[in-house]
Amino acid sequence: KKGKVMKFDSGECMINYLKQNSAAHADVESYLVIDYANPPKLIDAEKAFWLHGENIDSPMGGNVAAFESNDAAEKMKTETGSQLLNWNEVMKLEL
């Protein structure tokens, strides 16, 4: 909200930072992550459809991926046997 932009290597790095810096949430205008099905498109992390599972290949090994569409997430869920989560559930993961 103050014009500062923070960039992370991956969604899981951003999530871990937010967990460790809970006071930062009040100052954040938006959380953006890469759409796993359509890189390099940025999507709203809070509205994304998240998958978590050991067969999800993510940059930092957290085994999470964000999708803009539920259809894309459901397709990957079927292919990988992963778990479909929302933003609040992802924020509770140990990554």
Protein backbone atom coordinates (compact mmCIF):
# COMPACT_ATOMS: atom_id res chain seq x y z
CA LYS A 1 0.00 0.00 0.00
CA LYS A 2 3.03 2.26 0.39
CA GLY A 3 4.42 1.58 -3.09
CA LYS A 4 7.06 -0.96 -2.06
CA VAL A 5 7.25 -4.10 -4.20
CA MET A 6 8.70 -7.32 -2.85
CA LYS A 7 9.64 -10.19 -5.16
CA PHE A 8 10.15 -13.80 -4.17
CA ASP A 9 11.61 -16.85 -5.93
CA SER A 10 8.34 -18.72 -5.54
CA GLY A 11 4.91 -18.67 -3.96
CA GLU A 12 6.15 -20.77 -1.06
CA CYS A 13 8.91 -18.24 -0.32
CA MET A 14 6.31 -15.47 -0.18
CA ILE A 15 4.08 -17.58 2.08
CA ASN A 16 6.95 -18.37 4.44
CA TYR A 17 7.91 -14.69 4.60
CA LEU A 18 4.32 -13.72 5.43
CA LYS A 19 4.16 -16.33 8.19
CA GLN A 20 7.35 -15.00 9.75
CA ASN A 21 6.30 -11.35 9.37
CA SER A 22 2.63 -11.33 10.30
CA ALA A 23 2.66 -7.56 10.80
CA ALA A 24 3.39 -7.17 7.08
CA HIS A 25 -0.14 -8.27 6.12
CA ALA A 26 -1.69 -4.92 6.99
CA ASP A 27 0.57 -3.12 4.52
CA VAL A 28 -0.03 -5.41 1.54
CA GLU A 29 -2.20 -4.25 -1.33
CA SER A 30 -2.09 -7.55 -3.22
CA TYR A 31 -0.35 -10.90 -3.39
CA LEU A 32 0.57 -12.04 -6.89
CA VAL A 33 1.92 -15.42 -7.98
CA ILE A 34 2.61 -17.14 -11.29
CA ASP A 35 -0.23 -19.16 -12.81
CA TYR A 36 1.26 -22.67 -12.93
CA ALA A 37 -0.76 -23.50 -16.04
CA ASN A 38 0.09 -20.28 -17.87
CA PRO A 39 3.48 -18.85 -16.90
CA PRO A 40 4.50 -16.04 -16.72
CA LYS A 41 0.98 -14.74 -16.06
CA LEU A 42 0.54 -13.20 -12.61
CA ILE A 43 -2.64 -13.99 -10.69
CA ASP A 44 -4.15 -12.97 -7.36
CA ALA A 45 -2.83 -15.47 -4.79
CA GLU A 46 -5.85 -14.99 -2.54
CA LYS A 47 -8.26 -15.98 -5.34
CA ALA A 48 -6.09 -18.71 -6.84
CA PHE A 49 -6.82 -22.41 -6.74
CA TRP A 50 -3.84 -23.98 -4.98
CA LEU A 51 -2.54 -27.52 -5.17
CA HIS A 52 -0.25 -29.19 -2.67
CA GLY A 53 1.31 -32.61 -3.02
CA GLU A 54 4.59 -34.41 -3.45
CA ASN A 55 4.04 -34.72 -7.21
CA ILE A 56 3.80 -30.94 -7.67
CA ASP A 57 7.12 -29.63 -8.98
CA SER A 58 7.61 -26.16 -7.52
CA PRO A 59 10.73 -23.98 -7.70
CA MET A 60 11.74 -24.15 -4.04
CA GLY A 61 10.54 -27.66 -3.24
CA GLY A 62 7.41 -26.68 -1.30
CA ASN A 63 5.24 -28.79 -3.60
CA VAL A 64 2.64 -26.06 -4.16
CA ALA A 65 1.23 -24.50 -7.30
CA ALA A 66 -1.33 -21.77 -7.92
CA PHE A 67 -3.85 -21.81 -10.76
CA GLU A 68 -6.12 -19.08 -12.06
CA SER A 69 -8.84 -21.53 -13.09
CA ASN A 70 -10.46 -24.28 -11.10
CA ASP A 71 -10.57 -26.44 -14.26
CA ALA A 72 -6.79 -26.30 -14.67
CA ALA A 73 -6.27 -27.05 -10.98
CA GLU A 74 -8.70 -29.97 -11.06
CA LYS A 75 -6.96 -31.43 -14.12
CA MET A 76 -3.55 -31.23 -12.43
CA LYS A 77 -5.05 -32.56 -9.19
CA THR A 78 -6.23 -35.68 -11.03
CA GLU A 79 -2.85 -36.12 -12.74
CA THR A 80 -0.79 -35.66 -9.57
CA GLY A 81 -3.02 -36.90 -6.75
CA SER A 82 -2.53 -33.59 -4.96
CA GLN A 83 -4.79 -31.70 -2.60
CA LEU A 84 -6.84 -28.67 -3.68
CA LEU A 85 -6.57 -25.75 -1.24
CA ASN A 86 -7.62 -22.13 -0.91
CA TRP A 87 -5.40 -19.24 0.22
CA ASN A 88 -6.19 -19.60 3.92
CA GLU A 89 -5.40 -23.32 3.81
CA VAL A 90 -2.13 -22.73 1.97
CA MET A 91 -1.12 -20.20 4.60
CA LYS A 92 -1.40 -22.96 7.22
CA LEU A 93 0.95 -25.36 5.42
CA GLU A 94 4.44 -26.10 6.65
CA LEU A 95 6.48 -25.38 3.52
